[in-house]
Structure formats: structure tokens, C-alpha cells
Amino acid sequence: MTAPAIPAATLIVMRDRVGAPPDLLMVERAAKLAFAGGAMVFPGGRIDAGDEVAAASHGSPDAAARIAAIRETIEESSVAVGLTPTPDPALTAKLAKALHDGAPFVELLAAHGLAIDLDQLTPFARWKPAFHQARIFDTLFFIAEAPAGDWHPTPQPGECEAVIWIGATALLGRIAAGHATAIFPTIRNLERLAQFATVAAARADALAHPVETITPWLEEVDGVPCLRIPDGLGYPVTREPLDAVRRGLPATAFPAA
């Protein structure tokens, strides 16, 4: 019997660049981690009980996911998104350490006169892979613009090897060359994000497409087994040959069509 999917949230933090596509805030997960160890991912993680409690005062059906995405991004990168007023990098580093040490997020914000601003986040996608593995995540993705200023991300000790700013096309190039790894949903989202010249364009695209749950499936295309996702949700690539899928899992891990 398959265990229930774990609710999770991810934040795609973007910053505009002059004469170049936007940068993305990307995390390299620690190689020792059971899920996507060593892979490049967007910051994020599980929605915890504290997020659910904090969401009660916001009245939005996805408030807990937005709060989790904000909290996890601060903890994993020391970059503050979705807070008002925006703390400076020094205070954000203190918040990240306190979160890593187990401090309740809402209490931590109150102690520093900060509040959560959920409107800074725009819903982008929802992924719920059904691969045959121990942990299945049901993840809401959001887009947010990076706060103004010169932010130098710092990786969370023990969880992240590195945190970098990089363009979607540049990271896809690294992955294709074998200099970085990423799981199937991350690659599809990078391809979608590579289409946009500005953060505003990415947000407009997010608002123009429905956020439907994406569960990849196996399908044979011209005699080649492929992993597929639905058309019409904003993704320029909706299938990939199974042999090329970067998950480090055997073919038996994937669901049948």
C-alpha cells in the first residue's frame, strides 16, 4: 500500500538582470540525503504543523504552503522573501540559524517585528510524482521576486552543499554536460522558466495557466518509452525518453501508462 503523499512547498526565487535572462536561486542538496541527494533544486520542503497554525490567520487555502516555502527558503539560503519589512542580510542570517536550531517561525518573526506577506508569492505549478519509492511529495511551486539588494546566499549546514544564483538556460547546460544533476520535475520547470526574459513575464505565464496536479506517467512514443506530463500547462517539453530521465531510479520505479 502506497503511503499518503507528503505536503510540500517550493519557492522559485527570481531576480532580473540587465541584458540577460533572470537569475534563479538554486540549492545543491547534500549528497547524503535520501531524496534527490546531490541534485540541484529550488529551495523548499515539507509543510509542517507550525505552518498550518500560522496559516489560520491568513484565510487563504494555500497559505500553509506559501509560509512553508518562505520559511524553507530562509533556512536553506539565508535569502529573505515574503517578509515585510524585508530584513537585511545580517538579520536574515540570524533567522536562518535560529530556524535551523528549531525556533518556531512565527515567534521568531514576531520577536524581530516582521510579518509574512503572502502576496509576494505567485502560484506556478503543482507536482505529485507517483514513482514507486518510500516518500512521495505533493509539492506546490510558487514564484517570487528576490528582495532588492546584494544577497549572497549561504547554504544550510548539513542539508545543502551550495546555494547559487544562475540562469535557467545556464543550469540546463550544466545538467546536459553532466556537471550538475536534477530530477525530472526540476528540469521541466527550468525549461519553462528559460522562456522568460523578466520576472514579470514568468509571473504573467504563471497566471495564464491553470495550476493542476502534474503526475508524470510512462508512455511509449514511436516505440520509445517516455516519461510524460500533460500538455497545456505552460511546459515547452512534455516528454523525455526514460533512458535520459535523471532520477537514478530503475525503470520499475515508474508508473505504467
C-alpha atoms as a PDB file:
ATOM      1  CA  MET A   1       0.000   0.000   0.000  1.00  0.00           C
ATOM      2  CA  THR A   2       1.364   3.409  -1.011  1.00  0.00           C
ATOM      3  CA  ALA A   3       1.833   5.915   1.821  1.00  0.00           C
ATOM      4  CA  PRO A   4      -0.018   9.237   1.523  1.00  0.00           C
ATOM      5  CA  ALA A   5       1.877  11.976  -0.298  1.00  0.00           C
ATOM      6  CA  ILE A   6       3.757  14.417   1.918  1.00  0.00           C
ATOM      7  CA  PRO A   7       2.533  18.044   1.506  1.00  0.00           C
ATOM      8  CA  ALA A   8       5.441  20.269   0.493  1.00  0.00           C
ATOM      9  CA  ALA A   9       6.171  23.685  -0.980  1.00  0.00           C
ATOM     10  CA  THR A  10       8.895  25.133  -3.183  1.00  0.00           C
ATOM     11  CA  LEU A  11       9.845  28.732  -3.942  1.00  0.00           C
ATOM     12  CA  ILE A  12      11.287  29.800  -7.287  1.00  0.00           C
ATOM     13  CA  VAL A  13      13.136  32.993  -6.369  1.00  0.00           C
ATOM     14  CA  MET A  14      13.974  35.109  -9.418  1.00  0.00           C
ATOM     15  CA  ARG A  15      15.897  38.333  -9.919  1.00  0.00           C
ATOM     16  CA  ASP A  16      16.031  40.408 -13.096  1.00  0.00           C
ATOM     17  CA  ARG A  17      19.352  41.121 -14.783  1.00  0.00           C
ATOM     18  CA  VAL A  18      20.213  43.887 -17.240  1.00  0.00           C
ATOM     19  CA  GLY A  19      20.672  42.466 -20.724  1.00  0.00           C
ATOM     20  CA  ALA A  20      20.288  38.860 -19.588  1.00  0.00           C
ATOM     21  CA  PRO A  21      17.541  36.458 -18.508  1.00  0.00           C
ATOM     22  CA  PRO A  22      16.609  36.335 -14.814  1.00  0.00           C
ATOM     23  CA  ASP A  23      18.738  34.556 -12.249  1.00  0.00           C
ATOM     24  CA  LEU A  24      17.220  31.756 -10.192  1.00  0.00           C
ATOM     25  CA  LEU A  25      18.097  30.859  -6.613  1.00  0.00           C
ATOM     26  CA  MET A  26      19.167  27.211  -6.757  1.00  0.00           C
ATOM     27  CA  VAL A  27      20.198  24.824  -3.999  1.00  0.00           C
ATOM     28  CA  GLU A  28      22.565  21.875  -4.354  1.00  0.00           C
ATOM     29  CA  ARG A  29      21.289  19.242  -1.941  1.00  0.00           C
ATOM     30  CA  ALA A  30      23.724  17.357   0.246  1.00  0.00           C
ATOM     31  CA  ALA A  31      24.791  14.112  -1.411  1.00  0.00           C
ATOM     32  CA  LYS A  32      23.916  12.076   1.713  1.00  0.00           C
ATOM     33  CA  LEU A  33      20.199  12.949   1.581  1.00  0.00           C
ATOM     34  CA  ALA A  34      17.831  10.109   0.702  1.00  0.00           C
ATOM     35  CA  PHE A  35      15.682  12.210  -1.653  1.00  0.00           C
ATOM     36  CA  ALA A  36      17.453  13.880  -4.611  1.00  0.00           C
ATOM     37  CA  GLY A  37      20.840  13.723  -2.907  1.00  0.00           C
ATOM     38  CA  GLY A  38      23.354  15.926  -4.744  1.00  0.00           C
ATOM     39  CA  ALA A  39      20.723  17.342  -7.107  1.00  0.00           C
ATOM     40  CA  MET A  40      20.091  20.992  -7.947  1.00  0.00           C
ATOM     41  CA  VAL A  41      16.662  22.045  -6.682  1.00  0.00           C
ATOM     42  CA  PHE A  42      14.651  25.132  -5.852  1.00  0.00           C
ATOM     43  CA  PRO A  43      14.539  25.837  -2.096  1.00  0.00           C
ATOM     44  CA  GLY A  44      11.632  24.191  -0.310  1.00  0.00           C
ATOM     45  CA  GLY A  45      10.490  21.345   1.889  1.00  0.00           C
ATOM     46  CA  ARG A  46       7.670  19.842   3.895  1.00  0.00           C
ATOM     47  CA  ILE A  47       4.733  21.832   5.207  1.00  0.00           C
ATOM     48  CA  ASP A  48       4.933  21.399   8.970  1.00  0.00           C
ATOM     49  CA  ALA A  49       2.432  21.822  11.793  1.00  0.00           C
ATOM     50  CA  GLY A  50       3.717  25.310  12.565  1.00  0.00           C
ATOM     51  CA  ASP A  51       2.982  26.404   9.009  1.00  0.00           C
ATOM     52  CA  GLU A  52      -0.589  25.130   9.340  1.00  0.00           C
ATOM     53  CA  VAL A  53      -1.080  27.040  12.598  1.00  0.00           C
ATOM     54  CA  ALA A  54       0.335  30.245  11.110  1.00  0.00           C
ATOM     55  CA  ALA A  55      -1.883  29.858   8.032  1.00  0.00           C
ATOM     56  CA  ALA A  56      -5.068  30.054  10.107  1.00  0.00           C
ATOM     57  CA  SER A  57      -4.763  33.829  10.404  1.00  0.00           C
ATOM     58  CA  HIS A  58      -4.359  34.357   6.641  1.00  0.00           C
ATOM     59  CA  GLY A  59      -7.531  32.762   5.295  1.00  0.00           C
ATOM     60  CA  SER A  60      -6.012  31.501   2.038  1.00  0.00           C
ATOM     61  CA  PRO A  61      -6.356  27.816   1.074  1.00  0.00           C
ATOM     62  CA  ASP A  62      -2.657  27.606   0.151  1.00  0.00           C
ATOM     63  CA  ALA A  63      -1.388  29.830   2.987  1.00  0.00           C
ATOM     64  CA  ALA A  64       0.407  26.976   4.778  1.00  0.00           C
ATOM     65  CA  ALA A  65       2.258  26.093   1.573  1.00  0.00           C
ATOM     66  CA  ARG A  66       3.275  29.712   0.987  1.00  0.00           C
ATOM     67  CA  ILE A  67       4.504  30.048   4.570  1.00  0.00           C
ATOM     68  CA  ALA A  68       6.473  26.805   4.291  1.00  0.00           C
ATOM     69  CA  ALA A  69       8.077  27.994   1.054  1.00  0.00           C
ATOM     70  CA  ILE A  70       9.128  31.286   2.666  1.00  0.00           C
ATOM     71  CA  ARG A  71      10.444  29.556   5.795  1.00  0.00           C
ATOM     72  CA  GLU A  72      12.370  26.882   3.910  1.00  0.00           C
ATOM     73  CA  THR A  73      13.952  29.439   1.576  1.00  0.00           C
ATOM     74  CA  ILE A  74      15.255  31.467   4.509  1.00  0.00           C
ATOM     75  CA  GLU A  75      16.524  28.340   6.268  1.00  0.00           C
ATOM     76  CA  GLU A  76      18.224  26.848   3.199  1.00  0.00           C
ATOM     77  CA  SER A  77      19.691  30.002   1.653  1.00  0.00           C
ATOM     78  CA  SER A  78      19.597  32.949   4.092  1.00  0.00           C
ATOM     79  CA  VAL A  79      17.659  34.926   1.476  1.00  0.00           C
ATOM     80  CA  ALA A  80      14.520  36.629   2.809  1.00  0.00           C
ATOM     81  CA  VAL A  81      11.494  36.537   0.525  1.00  0.00           C
ATOM     82  CA  GLY A  82       7.869  37.101   1.511  1.00  0.00           C
ATOM     83  CA  LEU A  83       8.536  39.144   4.661  1.00  0.00           C
ATOM     84  CA  THR A  84       7.659  42.741   5.490  1.00  0.00           C
ATOM     85  CA  PRO A  85       9.643  44.776   6.122  1.00  0.00           C
ATOM     86  CA  THR A  86      12.419  42.898   4.315  1.00  0.00           C
ATOM     87  CA  PRO A  87      15.165  42.100   6.845  1.00  0.00           C
ATOM     88  CA  ASP A  88      18.723  42.880   5.857  1.00  0.00           C
ATOM     89  CA  PRO A  89      21.143  40.029   5.056  1.00  0.00           C
ATOM     90  CA  ALA A  90      22.673  40.057   8.540  1.00  0.00           C
ATOM     91  CA  LEU A  91      19.313  39.630  10.272  1.00  0.00           C
ATOM     92  CA  THR A  92      18.240  37.040   7.717  1.00  0.00           C
ATOM     93  CA  ALA A  93      21.353  35.005   8.516  1.00  0.00           C
ATOM     94  CA  LYS A  94      20.324  35.077  12.184  1.00  0.00           C
ATOM     95  CA  LEU A  95      16.813  33.968  11.265  1.00  0.00           C
ATOM     96  CA  ALA A  96      18.213  31.094   9.208  1.00  0.00           C
ATOM     97  CA  LYS A  97      20.385  29.882  12.066  1.00  0.00           C
ATOM     98  CA  ALA A  98      17.519  30.123  14.550  1.00  0.00           C
ATOM     99  CA  LEU A  99      15.252  28.138  12.210  1.00  0.00           C
ATOM    100  CA  HIS A 100      17.952  25.526  11.759  1.00  0.00           C
ATOM    101  CA  ASP A 101      18.178  25.281  15.550  1.00  0.00           C
ATOM    102  CA  GLY A 102      14.430  24.674  15.794  1.00  0.00           C
ATOM    103  CA  ALA A 103      12.959  28.092  16.625  1.00  0.00           C
ATOM    104  CA  PRO A 104       9.246  28.442  15.715  1.00  0.00           C
ATOM    105  CA  PHE A 105       8.994  30.613  12.598  1.00  0.00           C
ATOM    106  CA  VAL A 106       6.087  32.819  13.671  1.00  0.00           C
ATOM    107  CA  GLU A 107       7.566  33.502  17.109  1.00  0.00           C
ATOM    108  CA  LEU A 108      10.902  34.319  15.515  1.00  0.00           C
ATOM    109  CA  LEU A 109       9.316  36.834  13.163  1.00  0.00           C
ATOM    110  CA  ALA A 110       7.324  38.470  15.950  1.00  0.00           C
ATOM    111  CA  ALA A 111      10.466  38.905  18.023  1.00  0.00           C
ATOM    112  CA  HIS A 112      12.030  40.927  15.204  1.00  0.00           C
ATOM    113  CA  GLY A 113       8.948  42.930  14.191  1.00  0.00           C
ATOM    114  CA  LEU A 114       8.476  41.055  10.910  1.00  0.00           C
ATOM    115  CA  ALA A 115       5.313  39.827   9.213  1.00  0.00           C
ATOM    116  CA  ILE A 116       4.570  37.356   6.422  1.00  0.00           C
ATOM    117  CA  ASP A 117       3.443  38.846   3.100  1.00  0.00           C
ATOM    118  CA  LEU A 118       1.838  36.007   1.134  1.00  0.00           C
ATOM    119  CA  ASP A 119       1.037  38.289  -1.807  1.00  0.00           C
ATOM    120  CA  GLN A 120       4.704  38.312  -2.805  1.00  0.00           C
ATOM    121  CA  LEU A 121       4.260  34.706  -3.987  1.00  0.00           C
ATOM    122  CA  THR A 122       2.540  33.729  -7.258  1.00  0.00           C
ATOM    123  CA  PRO A 123       1.323  30.124  -7.713  1.00  0.00           C
ATOM    124  CA  PHE A 124       3.262  28.431 -10.529  1.00  0.00           C
ATOM    125  CA  ALA A 125       2.725  24.666 -10.518  1.00  0.00           C
ATOM    126  CA  ARG A 126       1.853  21.576  -8.518  1.00  0.00           C
ATOM    127  CA  TRP A 127       3.770  18.318  -8.894  1.00  0.00           C
ATOM    128  CA  LYS A 128       2.887  14.970  -7.360  1.00  0.00           C
ATOM    129  CA  PRO A 129       5.027  12.218  -8.925  1.00  0.00           C
ATOM    130  CA  ALA A 130       3.782   8.673  -8.368  1.00  0.00           C
ATOM    131  CA  PHE A 131       7.086   6.857  -8.581  1.00  0.00           C
ATOM    132  CA  HIS A 132       7.404   3.658  -6.575  1.00  0.00           C
ATOM    133  CA  GLN A 133       9.577   4.946  -3.747  1.00  0.00           C
ATOM    134  CA  ALA A 134       9.293   5.336   0.003  1.00  0.00           C
ATOM    135  CA  ARG A 135       8.422   9.044   0.033  1.00  0.00           C
ATOM    136  CA  ILE A 136       6.058  10.785  -2.368  1.00  0.00           C
ATOM    137  CA  PHE A 137       5.753  14.575  -2.218  1.00  0.00           C
ATOM    138  CA  ASP A 138       2.763  16.676  -3.273  1.00  0.00           C
ATOM    139  CA  THR A 139       4.516  19.984  -3.920  1.00  0.00           C
ATOM    140  CA  LEU A 140       3.137  23.426  -4.655  1.00  0.00           C
ATOM    141  CA  PHE A 141       5.552  25.704  -6.539  1.00  0.00           C
ATOM    142  CA  PHE A 142       5.473  29.486  -6.233  1.00  0.00           C
ATOM    143  CA  ILE A 143       7.348  32.327  -7.967  1.00  0.00           C
ATOM    144  CA  ALA A 144       8.672  35.315  -6.040  1.00  0.00           C
ATOM    145  CA  GLU A 145      10.984  38.170  -6.932  1.00  0.00           C
ATOM    146  CA  ALA A 146      14.202  38.412  -4.939  1.00  0.00           C
ATOM    147  CA  PRO A 147      14.360  41.305  -2.488  1.00  0.00           C
ATOM    148  CA  ALA A 148      16.307  44.374  -3.543  1.00  0.00           C
ATOM    149  CA  GLY A 149      19.949  44.466  -2.593  1.00  0.00           C
ATOM    150  CA  ASP A 150      23.063  42.357  -2.981  1.00  0.00           C
ATOM    151  CA  TRP A 151      22.166  38.989  -1.482  1.00  0.00           C
ATOM    152  CA  HIS A 152      24.906  36.371  -1.118  1.00  0.00           C
ATOM    153  CA  PRO A 153      23.124  33.100  -0.286  1.00  0.00           C
ATOM    154  CA  THR A 154      24.544  30.807   2.374  1.00  0.00           C
ATOM    155  CA  PRO A 155      23.783  27.063   2.337  1.00  0.00           C
ATOM    156  CA  GLN A 156      22.136  25.402   5.326  1.00  0.00           C
ATOM    157  CA  PRO A 157      24.752  23.235   7.093  1.00  0.00           C
ATOM    158  CA  GLY A 158      24.149  19.522   6.656  1.00  0.00           C
ATOM    159  CA  GLU A 159      21.310  19.946   4.164  1.00  0.00           C
ATOM    160  CA  CYS A 160      22.796  21.946   1.292  1.00  0.00           C
ATOM    161  CA  GLU A 161      26.207  21.767  -0.358  1.00  0.00           C
ATOM    162  CA  ALA A 162      25.802  25.129  -2.076  1.00  0.00           C
ATOM    163  CA  VAL A 163      23.322  27.856  -2.985  1.00  0.00           C
ATOM    164  CA  ILE A 164      23.854  29.870  -6.151  1.00  0.00           C
ATOM    165  CA  TRP A 165      22.276  32.404  -8.471  1.00  0.00           C
ATOM    166  CA  ILE A 166      22.158  31.062 -12.027  1.00  0.00           C
ATOM    167  CA  GLY A 167      20.013  31.443 -15.139  1.00  0.00           C
ATOM    168  CA  ALA A 168      17.701  28.618 -16.173  1.00  0.00           C
ATOM    169  CA  THR A 169      19.400  28.090 -19.544  1.00  0.00           C
ATOM    170  CA  ALA A 170      22.852  28.096 -17.972  1.00  0.00           C
ATOM    171  CA  LEU A 171      21.850  25.469 -15.429  1.00  0.00           C
ATOM    172  CA  LEU A 172      20.215  23.307 -18.086  1.00  0.00           C
ATOM    173  CA  GLY A 173      23.523  23.478 -19.956  1.00  0.00           C
ATOM    174  CA  ARG A 174      25.415  22.280 -16.889  1.00  0.00           C
ATOM    175  CA  ILE A 175      22.978  19.415 -16.443  1.00  0.00           C
ATOM    176  CA  ALA A 176      23.243  18.394 -20.107  1.00  0.00           C
ATOM    177  CA  ALA A 177      27.045  18.442 -19.863  1.00  0.00           C
ATOM    178  CA  GLY A 178      26.994  16.248 -16.754  1.00  0.00           C
ATOM    179  CA  HIS A 179      28.352  18.991 -14.490  1.00  0.00           C
ATOM    180  CA  ALA A 180      25.181  19.070 -12.388  1.00  0.00           C
ATOM    181  CA  THR A 181      22.211  16.782 -11.772  1.00  0.00           C
ATOM    182  CA  ALA A 182      18.495  17.464 -11.397  1.00  0.00           C
ATOM    183  CA  ILE A 183      15.342  15.406 -11.061  1.00  0.00           C
ATOM    184  CA  PHE A 184      12.652  15.277 -13.752  1.00  0.00           C
ATOM    185  CA  PRO A 185      10.298  17.964 -12.288  1.00  0.00           C
ATOM    186  CA  THR A 186      13.183  20.406 -11.798  1.00  0.00           C
ATOM    187  CA  ILE A 187      14.328  20.007 -15.398  1.00  0.00           C
ATOM    188  CA  ARG A 188      10.817  20.556 -16.751  1.00  0.00           C
ATOM    189  CA  ASN A 189      10.417  23.672 -14.594  1.00  0.00           C
ATOM    190  CA  LEU A 190      13.820  25.016 -15.687  1.00  0.00           C
ATOM    191  CA  GLU A 191      12.783  24.580 -19.320  1.00  0.00           C
ATOM    192  CA  ARG A 192       9.598  26.501 -18.655  1.00  0.00           C
ATOM    193  CA  LEU A 193      11.437  29.279 -16.809  1.00  0.00           C
ATOM    194  CA  ALA A 194      14.060  29.544 -19.575  1.00  0.00           C
ATOM    195  CA  GLN A 195      11.346  31.024 -21.819  1.00  0.00           C
ATOM    196  CA  PHE A 196      11.103  34.277 -19.849  1.00  0.00           C
ATOM    197  CA  ALA A 197      13.173  37.432 -20.200  1.00  0.00           C
ATOM    198  CA  THR A 198      11.881  39.011 -16.976  1.00  0.00           C
ATOM    199  CA  VAL A 199      10.354  38.075 -13.648  1.00  0.00           C
ATOM    200  CA  ALA A 200       7.158  39.848 -14.736  1.00  0.00           C
ATOM    201  CA  ALA A 201       6.929  37.615 -17.815  1.00  0.00           C
ATOM    202  CA  ALA A 202       7.287  34.497 -15.666  1.00  0.00           C
ATOM    203  CA  ARG A 203       4.543  35.700 -13.345  1.00  0.00           C
ATOM    204  CA  ALA A 204       2.258  36.508 -16.264  1.00  0.00           C
ATOM    205  CA  ASP A 205       2.759  32.998 -17.633  1.00  0.00           C
ATOM    206  CA  ALA A 206       2.012  31.506 -14.229  1.00  0.00           C
ATOM    207  CA  LEU A 207      -1.246  33.435 -14.038  1.00  0.00           C
ATOM    208  CA  ALA A 208      -2.160  32.442 -17.613  1.00  0.00           C
ATOM    209  CA  HIS A 209      -2.013  28.686 -16.964  1.00  0.00           C
ATOM    210  CA  PRO A 210      -4.040  26.600 -14.531  1.00  0.00           C
ATOM    211  CA  VAL A 211      -2.232  25.060 -11.577  1.00  0.00           C
ATOM    212  CA  GLU A 212      -3.218  21.430 -11.993  1.00  0.00           C
ATOM    213  CA  THR A 213      -1.589  18.492 -10.260  1.00  0.00           C
ATOM    214  CA  ILE A 214       1.102  17.044 -12.518  1.00  0.00           C
ATOM    215  CA  THR A 215       1.705  13.319 -12.109  1.00  0.00           C
ATOM    216  CA  PRO A 216       4.147  12.048 -14.769  1.00  0.00           C
ATOM    217  CA  TRP A 217       3.344   8.728 -16.438  1.00  0.00           C
ATOM    218  CA  LEU A 218       5.077   6.254 -18.727  1.00  0.00           C
ATOM    219  CA  GLU A 219       4.011   6.184 -22.363  1.00  0.00           C
ATOM    220  CA  GLU A 220       5.585   4.700 -25.470  1.00  0.00           C
ATOM    221  CA  VAL A 221       6.179   7.320 -28.189  1.00  0.00           C
ATOM    222  CA  ASP A 222       7.312   5.997 -31.579  1.00  0.00           C
ATOM    223  CA  GLY A 223       8.493   2.837 -29.911  1.00  0.00           C
ATOM    224  CA  VAL A 224      10.492   4.701 -27.229  1.00  0.00           C
ATOM    225  CA  PRO A 225       9.402   4.551 -23.565  1.00  0.00           C
ATOM    226  CA  CYS A 226       8.982   8.137 -22.367  1.00  0.00           C
ATOM    227  CA  LEU A 227       8.049   9.873 -19.160  1.00  0.00           C
ATOM    228  CA  ARG A 228       5.175  12.235 -19.963  1.00  0.00           C
ATOM    229  CA  ILE A 229       3.367  15.179 -18.406  1.00  0.00           C
ATOM    230  CA  PRO A 230       0.150  16.858 -19.627  1.00  0.00           C
ATOM    231  CA  ASP A 231       0.138  19.412 -22.437  1.00  0.00           C
ATOM    232  CA  GLY A 232      -1.411  22.844 -21.970  1.00  0.00           C
ATOM    233  CA  LEU A 233       0.149  23.743 -18.606  1.00  0.00           C
ATOM    234  CA  GLY A 234       2.904  26.010 -19.902  1.00  0.00           C
ATOM    235  CA  TYR A 235       5.694  23.455 -20.298  1.00  0.00           C
ATOM    236  CA  PRO A 236       7.569  23.541 -23.629  1.00  0.00           C
ATOM    237  CA  VAL A 237       8.804  19.950 -23.164  1.00  0.00           C
ATOM    238  CA  THR A 238       6.208  17.409 -22.066  1.00  0.00           C
ATOM    239  CA  ARG A 239       8.049  14.132 -22.568  1.00  0.00           C
ATOM    240  CA  GLU A 240      11.533  12.716 -22.155  1.00  0.00           C
ATOM    241  CA  PRO A 241      12.908   9.283 -23.094  1.00  0.00           C
ATOM    242  CA  LEU A 242      13.042   7.151 -19.983  1.00  0.00           C
ATOM    243  CA  ASP A 243      16.719   6.368 -20.516  1.00  0.00           C
ATOM    244  CA  ALA A 244      17.516  10.079 -20.258  1.00  0.00           C
ATOM    245  CA  VAL A 245      15.483  10.798 -17.150  1.00  0.00           C
ATOM    246  CA  ARG A 246      17.870  11.881 -14.397  1.00  0.00           C
ATOM    247  CA  ARG A 247      16.494  10.216 -11.304  1.00  0.00           C
ATOM    248  CA  GLY A 248      18.915   7.424 -10.615  1.00  0.00           C
ATOM    249  CA  LEU A 249      15.965   5.052 -10.321  1.00  0.00           C
ATOM    250  CA  PRO A 250      15.343   1.790 -12.174  1.00  0.00           C
ATOM    251  CA  ALA A 251      12.615   1.583 -14.809  1.00  0.00           C
ATOM    252  CA  THR A 252      10.447  -0.389 -12.364  1.00  0.00           C
ATOM    253  CA  ALA A 253      10.221   2.730 -10.196  1.00  0.00           C
ATOM    254  CA  PHE A 254       7.975   4.484 -12.683  1.00  0.00           C
ATOM    255  CA  PRO A 255       4.198   4.093 -13.017  1.00  0.00           C
ATOM    256  CA  ALA A 256       2.702   2.454 -16.088  1.00  0.00           C
ATOM    257  CA  ALA A 257       0.596   4.471 -18.511  1.00  0.00           C
END
